[in-house]
Amino acid sequence: MKNSSTNTPEVPEAKAALDKFKFEVASELGVPLTNGYNGNLTSYQNGSVGGEMVRQMIRRQEEQMSGKMPQ
């Protein structure tokens, strides 16, 4: 692992795509995530977005590895 910050993407070029994905997931879950300060959201709300992002990324990777999804 290159850096100790968990908020820094391993592939910096992917930051914009990850941000877009985060807002899509938040919208699907009904979490009013905004660009900038989100201190008004609960830990549960923020955690639900992160947890769902991980679930979807794992599912997509599994599909790709099984050959069900184009690379």
C-alpha atoms as a PDB file:
ATOM      1  CA  MET A   1       0.000   0.000   0.000  1.00  0.00           C
ATOM      2  CA  LYS A   2       1.466   3.307  -1.098  1.00  0.00           C
ATOM      3  CA  ASN A   3      -0.143   5.750   1.333  1.00  0.00           C
ATOM      4  CA  SER A   4      -1.833   5.511   4.683  1.00  0.00           C
ATOM      5  CA  SER A   5      -4.905   7.633   3.871  1.00  0.00           C
ATOM      6  CA  THR A   6      -7.999   5.549   3.251  1.00  0.00           C
ATOM      7  CA  ASN A   7      -9.582   8.455   1.360  1.00  0.00           C
ATOM      8  CA  THR A   8      -7.002   8.470  -1.422  1.00  0.00           C
ATOM      9  CA  PRO A   9      -7.731   6.204  -4.393  1.00  0.00           C
ATOM     10  CA  GLU A  10      -5.041   3.651  -5.272  1.00  0.00           C
ATOM     11  CA  VAL A  11      -5.447   4.815  -8.876  1.00  0.00           C
ATOM     12  CA  PRO A  12      -5.740   8.630  -8.738  1.00  0.00           C
ATOM     13  CA  GLU A  13      -7.072   8.736 -12.313  1.00  0.00           C
ATOM     14  CA  ALA A  14     -10.188   6.909 -11.066  1.00  0.00           C
ATOM     15  CA  LYS A  15     -11.200   9.636  -8.580  1.00  0.00           C
ATOM     16  CA  ALA A  16     -13.787  11.275 -10.851  1.00  0.00           C
ATOM     17  CA  ALA A  17     -15.417   7.921 -11.671  1.00  0.00           C
ATOM     18  CA  LEU A  18     -15.479   6.938  -7.986  1.00  0.00           C
ATOM     19  CA  ASP A  19     -17.085  10.251  -7.035  1.00  0.00           C
ATOM     20  CA  LYS A  20     -19.738   9.806  -9.731  1.00  0.00           C
ATOM     21  CA  PHE A  21     -20.370   6.252  -8.520  1.00  0.00           C
ATOM     22  CA  LYS A  22     -20.684   7.471  -4.912  1.00  0.00           C
ATOM     23  CA  PHE A  23     -23.348  10.027  -5.853  1.00  0.00           C
ATOM     24  CA  GLU A  24     -25.238   7.449  -7.940  1.00  0.00           C
ATOM     25  CA  VAL A  25     -25.308   5.015  -5.011  1.00  0.00           C
ATOM     26  CA  ALA A  26     -26.344   7.768  -2.584  1.00  0.00           C
ATOM     27  CA  SER A  27     -29.191   8.727  -4.906  1.00  0.00           C
ATOM     28  CA  GLU A  28     -30.336   5.088  -5.194  1.00  0.00           C
ATOM     29  CA  LEU A  29     -30.391   4.844  -1.383  1.00  0.00           C
ATOM     30  CA  GLY A  30     -32.126   8.182  -0.891  1.00  0.00           C
ATOM     31  CA  VAL A  31     -29.155   9.681   0.966  1.00  0.00           C
ATOM     32  CA  PRO A  32     -28.969  13.461   0.327  1.00  0.00           C
ATOM     33  CA  LEU A  33     -25.211  13.514  -0.336  1.00  0.00           C
ATOM     34  CA  THR A  34     -23.873  16.850  -1.555  1.00  0.00           C
ATOM     35  CA  ASN A  35     -20.597  17.925  -3.060  1.00  0.00           C
ATOM     36  CA  GLY A  36     -18.703  19.409  -0.129  1.00  0.00           C
ATOM     37  CA  TYR A  37     -19.761  19.380   3.510  1.00  0.00           C
ATOM     38  CA  ASN A  38     -21.995  16.480   4.580  1.00  0.00           C
ATOM     39  CA  GLY A  39     -21.746  16.802   8.359  1.00  0.00           C
ATOM     40  CA  ASN A  40     -25.520  16.887   8.595  1.00  0.00           C
ATOM     41  CA  LEU A  41     -25.703  13.220   7.553  1.00  0.00           C
ATOM     42  CA  THR A  42     -25.646  10.448  10.116  1.00  0.00           C
ATOM     43  CA  SER A  43     -22.928   7.829  10.346  1.00  0.00           C
ATOM     44  CA  TYR A  44     -25.549   5.296   9.296  1.00  0.00           C
ATOM     45  CA  GLN A  45     -26.346   7.243   6.114  1.00  0.00           C
ATOM     46  CA  ASN A  46     -22.700   7.693   5.175  1.00  0.00           C
ATOM     47  CA  GLY A  47     -21.926   4.081   6.014  1.00  0.00           C
ATOM     48  CA  SER A  48     -24.797   2.810   3.923  1.00  0.00           C
ATOM     49  CA  VAL A  49     -23.383   4.583   0.870  1.00  0.00           C
ATOM     50  CA  GLY A  50     -19.886   3.185   1.417  1.00  0.00           C
ATOM     51  CA  GLY A  51     -21.188  -0.304   2.154  1.00  0.00           C
ATOM     52  CA  GLU A  52     -23.368  -0.381  -0.942  1.00  0.00           C
ATOM     53  CA  MET A  53     -20.474   0.884  -3.078  1.00  0.00           C
ATOM     54  CA  VAL A  54     -18.335  -2.010  -1.867  1.00  0.00           C
ATOM     55  CA  ARG A  55     -21.122  -4.561  -2.454  1.00  0.00           C
ATOM     56  CA  GLN A  56     -21.658  -3.328  -6.007  1.00  0.00           C
ATOM     57  CA  MET A  57     -17.925  -3.230  -6.788  1.00  0.00           C
ATOM     58  CA  ILE A  58     -17.468  -6.794  -5.514  1.00  0.00           C
ATOM     59  CA  ARG A  59     -20.496  -8.006  -7.476  1.00  0.00           C
ATOM     60  CA  ARG A  60     -19.223  -6.354 -10.677  1.00  0.00           C
ATOM     61  CA  GLN A  61     -15.753  -7.812 -10.196  1.00  0.00           C
ATOM     62  CA  GLU A  62     -17.175 -11.287  -9.578  1.00  0.00           C
ATOM     63  CA  GLU A  63     -19.277 -10.991 -12.748  1.00  0.00           C
ATOM     64  CA  GLN A  64     -16.249  -9.866 -14.719  1.00  0.00           C
ATOM     65  CA  MET A  65     -14.107 -12.701 -13.354  1.00  0.00           C
ATOM     66  CA  SER A  66     -16.800 -15.281 -14.127  1.00  0.00           C
ATOM     67  CA  GLY A  67     -17.067 -14.064 -17.715  1.00  0.00           C
ATOM     68  CA  LYS A  68     -20.632 -12.747 -17.338  1.00  0.00           C
ATOM     69  CA  MET A  69     -19.608  -9.156 -17.906  1.00  0.00           C
ATOM     70  CA  PRO A  70     -17.437  -7.649 -20.673  1.00  0.00           C
ATOM     71  CA  GLN A  71     -14.098  -6.285 -19.537  1.00  0.00           C
END
